[in-house]
Amino acid sequence: MAMTFTSPATAATGDGRCESTEVCVYDAFDQKTSDGYYDLRAGHKNFHGKYWFRGDNGYIGDDISSVKGGSNADCEGWTIFQDVNYNGYYFHIPKGVEFNFTGGYGQMHNEASSLGRWRC
């Protein structure tokens, strides 16, 4: 009798589940899922083809107002960039941290265009 082993399923990015290994981005302040949200892992050189779950179902690029970093990422967190291809103004999102793009983060309000990993 042969045995088959399978690895645990890897959660898909953009499946509507903001898991502990992902960063969730929101169309509204205060992480309101009802106004639109999207789950991401690092490695998105652009957000093309990604549209909000709920809300207006619009394109997430240059439309993010708040974020929430998962608590179980494989790195220290994520880096979000103003421009595609990991260019332009950027800052880090540590694991487990959530915030609005206001105050010191205001430059990124409705400007984020790519996402990478931080301190892996």
Protein backbone atom coordinates (compact mmCIF):
# COMPACT_ATOMS: atom_id res chain seq x y z
CA MET A 1 0.00 0.00 0.00
CA ALA A 2 1.50 3.30 -1.07
CA MET A 3 1.25 6.37 1.11
CA THR A 4 0.89 9.85 -0.26
CA PHE A 5 1.96 12.91 1.64
CA THR A 6 0.77 16.36 0.81
CA SER A 7 2.01 19.64 2.13
CA PRO A 8 -0.40 21.95 3.92
CA ALA A 9 -2.34 24.16 1.58
CA THR A 10 -0.83 27.58 1.13
CA ALA A 11 -3.35 30.33 1.40
CA ALA A 12 -3.82 32.23 -1.80
CA THR A 13 -3.28 35.94 -1.84
CA GLY A 14 -6.36 37.84 -2.94
CA ASP A 15 -8.77 35.18 -1.72
CA GLY A 16 -10.65 37.52 0.61
CA ARG A 17 -9.18 36.04 3.78
CA CYS A 18 -6.86 38.34 5.70
CA GLU A 19 -4.67 35.66 7.25
CA SER A 20 -1.92 36.03 9.83
CA THR A 21 0.78 35.65 7.15
CA GLU A 22 -0.61 38.49 5.04
CA VAL A 23 -1.07 42.23 5.15
CA CYS A 24 -4.60 43.41 4.59
CA VAL A 25 -5.18 46.75 2.86
CA TYR A 26 -8.38 48.78 3.05
CA ASP A 27 -10.16 51.35 0.93
CA ALA A 28 -11.29 53.26 4.07
CA PHE A 29 -9.69 54.44 7.29
CA ASP A 30 -9.85 52.26 10.41
CA GLN A 31 -9.67 48.93 8.56
CA LYS A 32 -13.36 48.84 7.59
CA THR A 33 -13.90 45.67 5.56
CA SER A 34 -17.39 46.81 4.54
CA ASP A 35 -15.86 49.65 2.50
CA GLY A 36 -13.40 47.39 0.65
CA TYR A 37 -10.39 45.27 1.57
CA TYR A 38 -7.78 43.04 -0.07
CA ASP A 39 -5.28 40.52 1.32
CA LEU A 40 -1.68 40.53 0.07
CA ARG A 41 1.63 38.82 0.64
CA ALA A 42 4.90 40.35 -0.43
CA GLY A 43 6.15 40.16 -3.96
CA HIS A 44 3.66 42.40 -5.74
CA LYS A 45 5.62 44.65 -8.07
CA ASN A 46 2.29 46.26 -8.94
CA PHE A 47 -1.33 45.81 -7.93
CA HIS A 48 -2.67 45.31 -11.46
CA GLY A 49 -5.67 43.00 -11.59
CA LYS A 50 -6.45 43.39 -7.87
CA TYR A 51 -9.85 44.79 -6.93
CA TRP A 52 -11.49 45.45 -3.57
CA PHE A 53 -13.63 42.79 -1.99
CA ARG A 54 -16.83 44.64 -1.00
CA GLY A 55 -17.10 48.41 -1.20
CA ASP A 56 -16.94 49.79 -4.73
CA ASN A 57 -14.94 46.79 -6.04
CA GLY A 58 -12.47 49.26 -7.58
CA TYR A 59 -8.76 48.81 -8.30
CA ILE A 60 -6.65 48.80 -5.12
CA GLY A 61 -3.60 50.56 -6.60
CA ASP A 62 -3.35 54.20 -5.54
CA ASP A 63 -6.51 53.70 -3.46
CA ILE A 64 -5.34 52.36 -0.06
CA SER A 65 -6.31 54.28 3.10
CA SER A 66 -5.33 51.88 5.91
CA VAL A 67 -3.44 48.63 6.51
CA LYS A 68 -3.22 45.79 9.01
CA GLY A 69 -0.16 43.55 9.14
CA GLY A 70 -0.63 39.92 10.07
CA SER A 71 1.06 38.68 13.22
CA ASN A 72 2.66 35.55 11.76
CA ALA A 73 4.60 36.72 8.72
CA ASP A 74 7.79 34.87 7.75
CA CYS A 75 9.71 38.17 7.89
CA GLU A 76 9.65 41.17 10.22
CA GLY A 77 6.90 42.58 8.05
CA TRP A 78 6.26 44.22 4.70
CA THR A 79 7.40 47.28 2.79
CA ILE A 80 4.81 49.26 0.88
CA PHE A 81 5.97 51.51 -1.96
CA GLN A 82 4.44 54.55 -3.57
CA ASP A 83 5.31 53.43 -7.10
CA VAL A 84 5.24 50.16 -9.02
CA ASN A 85 8.36 47.97 -9.19
CA TYR A 86 9.26 48.75 -5.53
CA ASN A 87 10.17 52.38 -6.27
CA GLY A 88 9.47 55.76 -4.73
CA TYR A 89 8.63 56.73 -1.18
CA TYR A 90 8.22 53.67 1.07
CA PHE A 91 7.82 52.57 4.65
CA HIS A 92 7.68 49.36 6.63
CA ILE A 93 4.63 47.65 8.09
CA PRO A 94 5.73 45.57 11.11
CA LYS A 95 3.93 42.35 11.98
CA GLY A 96 0.70 42.88 13.91
CA VAL A 97 0.54 46.65 13.34
CA GLU A 98 -2.48 48.46 11.90
CA PHE A 99 -2.76 52.13 10.99
CA ASN A 100 -4.35 54.74 8.75
CA PHE A 101 -2.48 56.69 6.10
CA THR A 102 -2.76 59.96 8.02
CA GLY A 103 -0.27 62.19 9.83
CA GLY A 104 3.26 60.97 9.09
CA TYR A 105 1.86 58.28 6.80
CA GLY A 106 -0.36 60.76 4.93
CA GLN A 107 1.97 60.87 1.94
CA MET A 108 0.91 57.29 1.14
CA HIS A 109 -2.85 57.91 1.36
CA ASN A 110 -4.22 56.65 -1.96
CA GLU A 111 -0.68 56.33 -3.34
CA ALA A 112 0.56 52.77 -2.64
CA SER A 113 1.43 50.76 -5.76
CA SER A 114 3.67 47.81 -4.79
CA LEU A 115 4.49 45.58 -1.79
CA GLY A 116 7.68 43.77 -0.77
CA ARG A 117 9.01 41.94 2.29
CA TRP A 118 11.00 43.52 5.11
CA ARG A 119 13.89 41.98 7.09
CA CYS A 120 13.75 38.37 5.98
